[in-house]
Amino acid sequence: MPVVLVGMMGTGKTTVGRRLAPALNLPFFDSDAEIEAAAGMSVAELFEAHGEESFRDGEARVIKRLLEGPPHVLATGGGAVIHPDTRAEIKAKAVSIWLRADIETLVQRATRRDTRPLLRTSDPAATMARLVAEREPFYATADIHIDSQPGPHEQTVAIIIEKIAEFLRASGNEQSGDA
């Protein structure tokens, strides 16, 4: 069963996912990287050329394709879960993990580089707070909720592995060798 990381930009989904995948003996995918490879454009260029709605439709198709494949760890874009088809696919085919962090941490991490089209505003912190408020109800539907840990990412990975095992035991979906 795939393991899907959801949450705001800046929570560390890609960084944690890259470390989580080998710990679970699974391949890793990043939905934004997959979209960029398919489109031959960066996420920022896609937003600029086609708008957010078109980007989300393409993102939903890419995530659906990935979830139809063998088990893996998937880091999604921060807004992926706002698309109802994407939420339904994740709920039906994966164990979902909401990776959380406070607004200050999110803004600090997400504004390190100018690659986040939604944060290209005069007040990125206010934009981030608005996006968090809008998206939290969608993130909250995830199977597991984890706070991104300060310090080495391996701490967050260890907590995720423990919570996945608890979730699978509780749901009767325990599998040998992988999530």
N, C-alpha and C. Protein backbone atom coordinates (compact mmCIF):
# COMPACT_ATOMS: atom_id res chain seq x y z
N MET A 1 0.85 -1.18 0.00
CA MET A 1 0.00 0.00 0.00
C MET A 1 0.89 1.24 0.00
N PRO A 2 0.65 2.19 -0.89
CA PRO A 2 1.44 3.42 -0.89
C PRO A 2 1.28 4.21 0.42
N VAL A 3 2.30 4.96 0.74
CA VAL A 3 2.30 5.88 1.88
C VAL A 3 2.37 7.28 1.27
N VAL A 4 1.36 8.11 1.55
CA VAL A 4 1.28 9.44 0.95
C VAL A 4 1.42 10.50 2.02
N LEU A 5 2.39 11.39 1.82
CA LEU A 5 2.61 12.51 2.73
C LEU A 5 1.87 13.73 2.20
N VAL A 6 1.02 14.31 3.04
CA VAL A 6 0.29 15.52 2.69
C VAL A 6 0.62 16.59 3.73
N GLY A 7 0.38 17.83 3.37
CA GLY A 7 0.63 18.94 4.29
C GLY A 7 1.10 20.16 3.52
N MET A 8 1.24 21.24 4.24
CA MET A 8 1.63 22.51 3.63
C MET A 8 3.04 22.46 3.06
N MET A 9 3.27 23.34 2.09
CA MET A 9 4.63 23.53 1.59
C MET A 9 5.50 23.94 2.78
N GLY A 10 6.67 23.37 2.85
CA GLY A 10 7.58 23.71 3.94
C GLY A 10 7.55 22.77 5.12
N THR A 11 6.64 21.77 5.10
CA THR A 11 6.63 20.84 6.23
C THR A 11 7.74 19.81 6.14
N GLY A 12 8.32 19.66 4.96
CA GLY A 12 9.40 18.70 4.80
C GLY A 12 8.95 17.39 4.19
N LYS A 13 7.84 17.40 3.46
CA LYS A 13 7.32 16.15 2.88
C LYS A 13 8.34 15.47 1.97
N THR A 14 8.98 16.23 1.11
CA THR A 14 9.94 15.64 0.18
C THR A 14 11.19 15.16 0.93
N THR A 15 11.72 15.98 1.80
CA THR A 15 12.92 15.61 2.55
C THR A 15 12.67 14.40 3.43
N VAL A 16 11.56 14.40 4.14
CA VAL A 16 11.21 13.26 4.99
C VAL A 16 10.90 12.04 4.14
N GLY A 17 10.16 12.24 3.05
CA GLY A 17 9.80 11.13 2.18
C GLY A 17 11.01 10.43 1.60
N ARG A 18 12.04 11.21 1.24
CA ARG A 18 13.27 10.61 0.70
C ARG A 18 13.97 9.73 1.73
N ARG A 19 13.80 10.04 2.99
CA ARG A 19 14.40 9.23 4.06
C ARG A 19 13.48 8.09 4.49
N LEU A 20 12.18 8.34 4.42
CA LEU A 20 11.20 7.33 4.82
C LEU A 20 11.19 6.15 3.85
N ALA A 21 11.27 6.42 2.57
CA ALA A 21 11.16 5.36 1.56
C ALA A 21 12.18 4.24 1.77
N PRO A 22 13.47 4.54 1.89
CA PRO A 22 14.41 3.43 2.09
C PRO A 22 14.20 2.72 3.43
N ALA A 23 13.75 3.45 4.44
CA ALA A 23 13.48 2.82 5.74
C ALA A 23 12.35 1.81 5.63
N LEU A 24 11.42 2.03 4.69
CA LEU A 24 10.31 1.10 4.45
C LEU A 24 10.60 0.15 3.28
N ASN A 25 11.79 0.28 2.71
CA ASN A 25 12.18 -0.53 1.55
C ASN A 25 11.23 -0.31 0.37
N LEU A 26 10.89 0.97 0.15
CA LEU A 26 9.99 1.35 -0.93
C LEU A 26 10.63 2.44 -1.79
N PRO A 27 10.22 2.54 -3.06
CA PRO A 27 10.70 3.66 -3.87
C PRO A 27 10.01 4.96 -3.43
N PHE A 28 10.62 6.08 -3.81
CA PHE A 28 10.09 7.40 -3.46
C PHE A 28 9.72 8.17 -4.72
N PHE A 29 8.59 8.87 -4.64
CA PHE A 29 8.17 9.77 -5.70
C PHE A 29 7.74 11.10 -5.09
N ASP A 30 7.98 12.16 -5.81
CA ASP A 30 7.53 13.50 -5.44
C ASP A 30 6.57 13.94 -6.53
N SER A 31 5.33 14.23 -6.19
CA SER A 31 4.34 14.54 -7.23
C SER A 31 4.74 15.78 -8.03
N ASP A 32 5.32 16.79 -7.38
CA ASP A 32 5.73 17.99 -8.13
C ASP A 32 6.81 17.64 -9.16
N ALA A 33 7.79 16.81 -8.78
CA ALA A 33 8.84 16.41 -9.72
C ALA A 33 8.26 15.60 -10.87
N GLU A 34 7.29 14.74 -10.57
CA GLU A 34 6.65 13.94 -11.61
C GLU A 34 5.87 14.83 -12.58
N ILE A 35 5.19 15.83 -12.05
CA ILE A 35 4.44 16.78 -12.88
C ILE A 35 5.40 17.57 -13.77
N GLU A 36 6.49 18.06 -13.19
CA GLU A 36 7.46 18.82 -13.96
C GLU A 36 8.06 17.98 -15.08
N ALA A 37 8.36 16.71 -14.79
CA ALA A 37 8.92 15.82 -15.82
C ALA A 37 7.91 15.59 -16.94
N ALA A 38 6.64 15.38 -16.58
CA ALA A 38 5.61 15.13 -17.59
C ALA A 38 5.35 16.36 -18.45
N ALA A 39 5.37 17.54 -17.83
CA ALA A 39 5.03 18.78 -18.54
C ALA A 39 6.23 19.45 -19.19
N GLY A 40 7.43 19.11 -18.73
CA GLY A 40 8.62 19.79 -19.24
C GLY A 40 8.70 21.23 -18.80
N MET A 41 8.03 21.53 -17.67
CA MET A 41 8.01 22.89 -17.12
C MET A 41 8.05 22.79 -15.60
N SER A 42 8.52 23.84 -14.95
CA SER A 42 8.50 23.87 -13.49
C SER A 42 7.08 24.13 -13.00
N VAL A 43 6.84 23.85 -11.73
CA VAL A 43 5.52 24.13 -11.15
C VAL A 43 5.19 25.61 -11.30
N ALA A 44 6.17 26.47 -11.02
CA ALA A 44 5.94 27.92 -11.15
C ALA A 44 5.57 28.30 -12.59
N GLU A 45 6.25 27.70 -13.56
CA GLU A 45 5.94 27.98 -14.97
C GLU A 45 4.54 27.46 -15.34
N LEU A 46 4.18 26.30 -14.81
CA LEU A 46 2.84 25.76 -15.07
C LEU A 46 1.76 26.67 -14.50
N PHE A 47 1.97 27.15 -13.28
CA PHE A 47 1.01 28.07 -12.66
C PHE A 47 0.86 29.33 -13.52
N GLU A 48 2.00 29.86 -13.95
CA GLU A 48 1.99 31.10 -14.73
C GLU A 48 1.32 30.90 -16.08
N ALA A 49 1.63 29.80 -16.74
CA ALA A 49 1.13 29.56 -18.09
C ALA A 49 -0.32 29.09 -18.12
N HIS A 50 -0.72 28.31 -17.14
CA HIS A 50 -2.04 27.65 -17.21
C HIS A 50 -2.96 27.93 -16.02
N GLY A 51 -2.44 28.51 -14.94
CA GLY A 51 -3.26 28.79 -13.77
C GLY A 51 -3.32 27.62 -12.80
N GLU A 52 -3.76 27.92 -11.60
CA GLU A 52 -3.77 26.90 -10.54
C GLU A 52 -4.76 25.78 -10.82
N GLU A 53 -5.95 26.11 -11.34
CA GLU A 53 -6.96 25.07 -11.57
C GLU A 53 -6.45 24.01 -12.56
N SER A 54 -5.86 24.46 -13.64
CA SER A 54 -5.31 23.53 -14.63
C SER A 54 -4.18 22.70 -14.01
N PHE A 55 -3.33 23.36 -13.22
CA PHE A 55 -2.25 22.63 -12.54
C PHE A 55 -2.83 21.55 -11.65
N ARG A 56 -3.86 21.87 -10.85
CA ARG A 56 -4.45 20.89 -9.93
C ARG A 56 -5.06 19.71 -10.68
N ASP A 57 -5.66 19.96 -11.83
CA ASP A 57 -6.21 18.86 -12.64
C ASP A 57 -5.09 17.92 -13.10
N GLY A 58 -3.99 18.49 -13.58
CA GLY A 58 -2.85 17.67 -13.99
C GLY A 58 -2.23 16.94 -12.82
N GLU A 59 -2.15 17.62 -11.70
CA GLU A 59 -1.62 17.01 -10.48
C GLU A 59 -2.47 15.81 -10.07
N ALA A 60 -3.79 15.95 -10.16
CA ALA A 60 -4.70 14.85 -9.81
C ALA A 60 -4.46 13.65 -10.71
N ARG A 61 -4.25 13.89 -11.99
CA ARG A 61 -3.98 12.78 -12.93
C ARG A 61 -2.67 12.07 -12.60
N VAL A 62 -1.64 12.85 -12.28
CA VAL A 62 -0.34 12.27 -11.95
C VAL A 62 -0.43 11.45 -10.67
N ILE A 63 -1.08 11.98 -9.65
CA ILE A 63 -1.20 11.25 -8.38
C ILE A 63 -2.02 9.99 -8.57
N LYS A 64 -3.10 10.06 -9.34
CA LYS A 64 -3.90 8.87 -9.62
C LYS A 64 -3.05 7.79 -10.28
N ARG A 65 -2.26 8.19 -11.28
CA ARG A 65 -1.38 7.23 -11.98
C ARG A 65 -0.39 6.60 -11.01
N LEU A 66 0.22 7.40 -10.17
CA LEU A 66 1.19 6.87 -9.21
C LEU A 66 0.54 5.91 -8.21
N LEU A 67 -0.66 6.25 -7.75
CA LEU A 67 -1.33 5.41 -6.76
C LEU A 67 -1.83 4.09 -7.35
N GLU A 68 -1.91 4.01 -8.66
CA GLU A 68 -2.32 2.76 -9.31
C GLU A 68 -1.13 1.80 -9.44
N GLY A 69 0.08 2.28 -9.14
CA GLY A 69 1.27 1.45 -9.23
C GLY A 69 1.54 0.69 -7.95
N PRO A 70 2.71 0.05 -7.89
CA PRO A 70 3.09 -0.72 -6.70
C PRO A 70 3.34 0.20 -5.50
N PRO A 71 3.44 -0.38 -4.30
CA PRO A 71 3.66 0.43 -3.09
C PRO A 71 4.90 1.32 -3.22
N HIS A 72 4.78 2.52 -2.66
CA HIS A 72 5.84 3.50 -2.68
C HIS A 72 5.53 4.57 -1.65
N VAL A 73 6.45 5.50 -1.45
CA VAL A 73 6.23 6.69 -0.63
C VAL A 73 6.06 7.85 -1.61
N LEU A 74 5.01 8.64 -1.41
CA LEU A 74 4.71 9.76 -2.30
C LEU A 74 4.58 11.04 -1.49
N ALA A 75 5.40 12.03 -1.83
CA ALA A 75 5.26 13.37 -1.26
C ALA A 75 4.41 14.17 -2.24
N THR A 76 3.29 14.71 -1.76
CA THR A 76 2.40 15.49 -2.62
C THR A 76 2.69 16.98 -2.46
N GLY A 77 2.24 17.75 -3.44
CA GLY A 77 2.31 19.20 -3.32
C GLY A 77 1.35 19.65 -2.23
N GLY A 78 1.63 20.81 -1.66
CA GLY A 78 0.84 21.31 -0.53
C GLY A 78 -0.64 21.46 -0.82
N GLY A 79 -1.00 21.76 -2.06
CA GLY A 79 -2.40 21.96 -2.40
C GLY A 79 -3.07 20.77 -3.03
N ALA A 80 -2.37 19.64 -3.13
CA ALA A 80 -2.92 18.48 -3.83
C ALA A 80 -4.27 18.04 -3.27
N VAL A 81 -4.40 18.08 -1.96
CA VAL A 81 -5.63 17.56 -1.33
C VAL A 81 -6.84 18.47 -1.49
N ILE A 82 -6.66 19.65 -2.06
CA ILE A 82 -7.85 20.48 -2.27
C ILE A 82 -8.68 19.95 -3.43
N HIS A 83 -8.08 19.13 -4.28
CA HIS A 83 -8.80 18.53 -5.41
C HIS A 83 -9.56 17.31 -4.90
N PRO A 84 -10.90 17.28 -5.05
CA PRO A 84 -11.68 16.16 -4.49
C PRO A 84 -11.29 14.79 -5.04
N ASP A 85 -10.92 14.72 -6.32
CA ASP A 85 -10.51 13.43 -6.89
C ASP A 85 -9.23 12.93 -6.24
N THR A 86 -8.31 13.84 -5.97
CA THR A 86 -7.05 13.46 -5.35
C THR A 86 -7.30 12.95 -3.94
N ARG A 87 -8.13 13.65 -3.17
CA ARG A 87 -8.45 13.19 -1.81
C ARG A 87 -9.06 11.80 -1.85
N ALA A 88 -9.97 11.57 -2.79
CA ALA A 88 -10.64 10.26 -2.88
C ALA A 88 -9.64 9.16 -3.24
N GLU A 89 -8.74 9.43 -4.18
CA GLU A 89 -7.73 8.44 -4.58
C GLU A 89 -6.82 8.09 -3.40
N ILE A 90 -6.37 9.12 -2.68
CA ILE A 90 -5.49 8.88 -1.54
C ILE A 90 -6.21 8.06 -0.48
N LYS A 91 -7.44 8.43 -0.18
CA LYS A 91 -8.21 7.73 0.86
C LYS A 91 -8.42 6.26 0.48
N ALA A 92 -8.68 5.99 -0.79
CA ALA A 92 -8.99 4.63 -1.23
C ALA A 92 -7.77 3.74 -1.39
N LYS A 93 -6.61 4.33 -1.71
CA LYS A 93 -5.48 3.51 -2.14
C LYS A 93 -4.21 3.63 -1.32
N ALA A 94 -4.22 4.42 -0.24
CA ALA A 94 -2.96 4.68 0.47
C ALA A 94 -3.18 4.88 1.96
N VAL A 95 -2.10 4.82 2.68
CA VAL A 95 -2.06 5.30 4.06
C VAL A 95 -1.59 6.74 3.95
N SER A 96 -2.38 7.67 4.44
CA SER A 96 -2.03 9.09 4.32
C SER A 96 -1.51 9.64 5.64
N ILE A 97 -0.50 10.48 5.52
CA ILE A 97 0.13 11.08 6.69
C ILE A 97 0.17 12.58 6.51
N TRP A 98 -0.46 13.29 7.46
CA TRP A 98 -0.43 14.75 7.46
C TRP A 98 0.79 15.18 8.24
N LEU A 99 1.75 15.76 7.56
CA LEU A 99 2.94 16.29 8.19
C LEU A 99 2.69 17.77 8.48
N ARG A 100 2.73 18.12 9.77
CA ARG A 100 2.38 19.48 10.21
C ARG A 100 3.60 20.24 10.72
N ALA A 101 3.50 21.57 10.67
CA ALA A 101 4.49 22.46 11.28
C ALA A 101 3.81 23.79 11.55
N ASP A 102 4.38 24.59 12.45
CA ASP A 102 3.79 25.89 12.77
C ASP A 102 4.05 26.87 11.63
N ILE A 103 3.27 27.93 11.60
CA ILE A 103 3.32 28.91 10.50
C ILE A 103 4.73 29.50 10.35
N GLU A 104 5.35 29.85 11.46
CA GLU A 104 6.69 30.46 11.39
C GLU A 104 7.68 29.52 10.70
N THR A 105 7.65 28.25 11.06
CA THR A 105 8.53 27.26 10.43
C THR A 105 8.21 27.11 8.95
N LEU A 106 6.92 27.05 8.63
CA LEU A 106 6.51 26.91 7.23
C LEU A 106 7.01 28.07 6.38
N VAL A 107 6.81 29.28 6.86
CA VAL A 107 7.23 30.47 6.11
C VAL A 107 8.75 30.47 5.95
N GLN A 108 9.46 30.18 7.03
CA GLN A 108 10.92 30.17 6.97
C GLN A 108 11.42 29.16 5.93
N ARG A 109 10.86 27.96 5.95
CA ARG A 109 11.32 26.92 5.02
C ARG A 109 10.86 27.20 3.59
N ALA A 110 9.61 27.61 3.42
CA ALA A 110 9.02 27.72 2.08
C ALA A 110 9.50 28.94 1.30
N THR A 111 10.07 29.92 2.00
CA THR A 111 10.52 31.13 1.30
C THR A 111 12.03 31.17 1.11
N ARG A 112 12.72 30.07 1.41
CA ARG A 112 14.18 30.03 1.20
C ARG A 112 14.54 30.25 -0.26
N ARG A 113 13.70 29.71 -1.14
CA ARG A 113 13.89 29.87 -2.59
C ARG A 113 12.60 30.43 -3.17
N ASP A 114 12.71 31.12 -4.28
CA ASP A 114 11.53 31.72 -4.91
C ASP A 114 10.89 30.75 -5.90
N THR A 115 10.51 29.56 -5.41
CA THR A 115 9.94 28.54 -6.30
C THR A 115 8.48 28.26 -5.97
N ARG A 116 7.92 28.98 -5.02
CA ARG A 116 6.54 28.74 -4.58
C ARG A 116 5.62 29.82 -5.15
N PRO A 117 4.90 29.51 -6.23
CA PRO A 117 4.10 30.56 -6.88
C PRO A 117 3.05 31.18 -5.96
N LEU A 118 2.49 30.41 -5.05
CA LEU A 118 1.44 30.96 -4.19
C LEU A 118 2.00 31.91 -3.12
N LEU A 119 3.32 31.88 -2.91
CA LEU A 119 3.92 32.77 -1.91
C LEU A 119 4.57 34.01 -2.53
N ARG A 120 4.37 34.20 -3.81
CA ARG A 120 4.91 35.39 -4.47
C ARG A 120 3.94 36.55 -4.25
N THR A 121 3.83 36.93 -2.98
CA THR A 121 2.92 38.01 -2.58
C THR A 121 3.71 39.02 -1.74
N SER A 122 3.07 40.13 -1.43
CA SER A 122 3.74 41.14 -0.61
C SER A 122 3.87 40.70 0.85
N ASP A 123 3.05 39.72 1.27
CA ASP A 123 3.09 39.24 2.65
C ASP A 123 2.98 37.72 2.68
N PRO A 124 4.11 37.02 2.43
CA PRO A 124 4.06 35.56 2.39
C PRO A 124 3.53 34.92 3.68
N ALA A 125 3.81 35.53 4.83
CA ALA A 125 3.33 34.96 6.10
C ALA A 125 1.80 35.00 6.17
N ALA A 126 1.20 36.09 5.75
CA ALA A 126 -0.26 36.19 5.74
C ALA A 126 -0.85 35.22 4.73
N THR A 127 -0.21 35.09 3.59
CA THR A 127 -0.68 34.14 2.57
C THR A 127 -0.61 32.72 3.12
N MET A 128 0.50 32.39 3.78
CA MET A 128 0.66 31.05 4.35
C MET A 128 -0.43 30.80 5.40
N ALA A 129 -0.69 31.76 6.26
CA ALA A 129 -1.71 31.59 7.29
C ALA A 129 -3.08 31.35 6.66
N ARG A 130 -3.39 32.08 5.59
CA ARG A 130 -4.67 31.89 4.90
C ARG A 130 -4.75 30.50 4.28
N LEU A 131 -3.66 30.08 3.62
CA LEU A 131 -3.65 28.75 2.99
C LEU A 131 -3.80 27.64 4.03
N VAL A 132 -3.11 27.79 5.15
CA VAL A 132 -3.22 26.79 6.22
C VAL A 132 -4.67 26.70 6.69
N ALA A 133 -5.29 27.84 6.94
CA ALA A 133 -6.69 27.85 7.40
C ALA A 133 -7.62 27.19 6.38
N GLU A 134 -7.39 27.46 5.10
CA GLU A 134 -8.23 26.87 4.05
C GLU A 134 -8.02 25.37 3.90
N ARG A 135 -6.79 24.92 4.05
CA ARG A 135 -6.44 23.54 3.74
C ARG A 135 -6.51 22.58 4.92
N GLU A 136 -6.42 23.08 6.14
CA GLU A 136 -6.38 22.18 7.30
C GLU A 136 -7.52 21.17 7.33
N PRO A 137 -8.76 21.57 6.99
CA PRO A 137 -9.83 20.57 7.01
C PRO A 137 -9.57 19.39 6.06
N PHE A 138 -8.91 19.66 4.95
CA PHE A 138 -8.57 18.59 4.00
C PHE A 138 -7.44 17.72 4.54
N TYR A 139 -6.41 18.37 5.08
CA TYR A 139 -5.29 17.62 5.66
C TYR A 139 -5.77 16.74 6.82
N ALA A 140 -6.71 17.25 7.58
CA ALA A 140 -7.19 16.54 8.77
C ALA A 140 -7.85 15.21 8.44
N THR A 141 -8.20 14.98 7.17
CA THR A 141 -8.79 13.70 6.78
C THR A 141 -7.74 12.60 6.63
N ALA A 142 -6.47 12.96 6.77
CA ALA A 142 -5.38 11.97 6.66
C ALA A 142 -5.52 10.93 7.77
N ASP A 143 -5.03 9.74 7.48
CA ASP A 143 -5.10 8.64 8.44
C ASP A 143 -4.25 8.89 9.68
N ILE A 144 -3.11 9.53 9.50
CA ILE A 144 -2.14 9.75 10.59
C ILE A 144 -1.73 11.22 10.57
N HIS A 145 -1.63 11.83 11.75
CA HIS A 145 -1.19 13.21 11.88
C HIS A 145 0.14 13.23 12.64
N ILE A 146 1.15 13.88 12.07
CA ILE A 146 2.49 13.92 12.66
C ILE A 146 2.99 15.36 12.65
N ASP A 147 3.59 15.79 13.76
CA ASP A 147 4.25 17.09 13.79
C ASP A 147 5.68 16.92 13.31
N SER A 148 6.08 17.74 12.33
CA SER A 148 7.45 17.72 11.83
C SER A 148 8.36 18.05 13.01
N GLN A 149 9.34 17.21 13.23
CA GLN A 149 10.21 17.36 14.39
C GLN A 149 11.39 18.28 14.09
N PRO A 150 11.77 19.12 15.07
CA PRO A 150 12.99 19.90 14.87
C PRO A 150 14.18 18.95 14.93
N GLY A 151 15.26 19.35 14.34
CA GLY A 151 16.44 18.49 14.38
C GLY A 151 16.47 17.53 13.21
N PRO A 152 17.23 16.45 13.35
CA PRO A 152 17.39 15.51 12.24
C PRO A 152 16.06 14.94 11.75
N HIS A 153 15.92 14.84 10.43
CA HIS A 153 14.68 14.32 9.84
C HIS A 153 14.43 12.87 10.23
N GLU A 154 15.48 12.17 10.62
CA GLU A 154 15.31 10.78 11.03
C GLU A 154 14.37 10.66 12.23
N GLN A 155 14.29 11.70 13.06
CA GLN A 155 13.34 11.69 14.19
C GLN A 155 11.91 11.63 13.68
N THR A 156 11.60 12.45 12.69
CA THR A 156 10.26 12.44 12.10
C THR A 156 10.00 11.11 11.42
N VAL A 157 10.99 10.58 10.71
CA VAL A 157 10.85 9.29 10.03
C VAL A 157 10.54 8.19 11.04
N ALA A 158 11.26 8.17 12.16
CA ALA A 158 11.04 7.14 13.17
C ALA A 158 9.62 7.21 13.72
N ILE A 159 9.12 8.41 13.96
CA ILE A 159 7.75 8.57 14.46
C ILE A 159 6.75 8.09 13.42
N ILE A 160 6.98 8.43 12.16
CA ILE A 160 6.08 8.00 11.09
C ILE A 160 6.03 6.48 11.01
N ILE A 161 7.18 5.83 11.05
CA ILE A 161 7.21 4.37 10.97
C ILE A 161 6.43 3.75 12.11
N GLU A 162 6.60 4.28 13.29
CA GLU A 162 5.86 3.78 14.46
C GLU A 162 4.35 3.97 14.27
N LYS A 163 3.95 5.14 13.80
CA LYS A 163 2.52 5.44 13.62
C LYS A 163 1.90 4.61 12.48
N ILE A 164 2.67 4.34 11.43
CA ILE A 164 2.15 3.49 10.35
C ILE A 164 1.89 2.09 10.89
N ALA A 165 2.84 1.56 11.66
CA ALA A 165 2.67 0.22 12.24
C ALA A 165 1.43 0.18 13.13
N GLU A 166 1.24 1.20 13.97
CA GLU A 166 0.05 1.27 14.83
C GLU A 166 -1.22 1.33 13.98
N PHE A 167 -1.21 2.15 12.94
CA PHE A 167 -2.38 2.30 12.08
C PHE A 167 -2.73 0.98 11.40
N LEU A 168 -1.73 0.32 10.85
CA LEU A 168 -1.98 -0.94 10.15
C LEU A 168 -2.48 -2.02 11.11
N ARG A 169 -1.93 -2.07 12.32
CA ARG A 169 -2.43 -3.04 13.31
C ARG A 169 -3.88 -2.75 13.66
N ALA A 170 -4.19 -1.48 13.87
CA ALA A 170 -5.54 -1.09 14.27
C ALA A 170 -6.55 -1.33 13.16
N SER A 171 -6.10 -1.19 11.90
CA SER A 171 -7.04 -1.35 10.78
C SER A 171 -7.06 -2.77 10.24
N GLY A 172 -6.23 -3.65 10.80
CA GLY A 172 -6.20 -5.03 10.34
C GLY A 172 -5.52 -5.19 8.99
N ASN A 173 -4.72 -4.20 8.57
CA ASN A 173 -4.05 -4.25 7.27
C ASN A 173 -2.57 -4.52 7.39
N GLU A 174 -2.14 -5.11 8.47
CA GLU A 174 -0.71 -5.34 8.65
C GLU A 174 -0.19 -6.23 7.53
N GLN A 175 0.91 -5.80 6.95
CA GLN A 175 1.52 -6.54 5.84
C GLN A 175 2.98 -6.82 6.21
N SER A 176 3.50 -7.87 5.67
CA SER A 176 4.89 -8.18 5.96
C SER A 176 5.79 -7.47 4.95
N GLY A 177 6.85 -6.84 5.46
CA GLY A 177 7.88 -6.29 4.60
C GLY A 177 7.66 -4.89 4.09
N ASP A 178 6.42 -4.43 4.00
CA ASP A 178 6.22 -3.06 3.52
C ASP A 178 4.95 -2.46 4.11
N ALA A 179 4.80 -1.17 3.86
CA ALA A 179 3.62 -0.49 4.38
C ALA A 179 2.48 -0.88 3.49
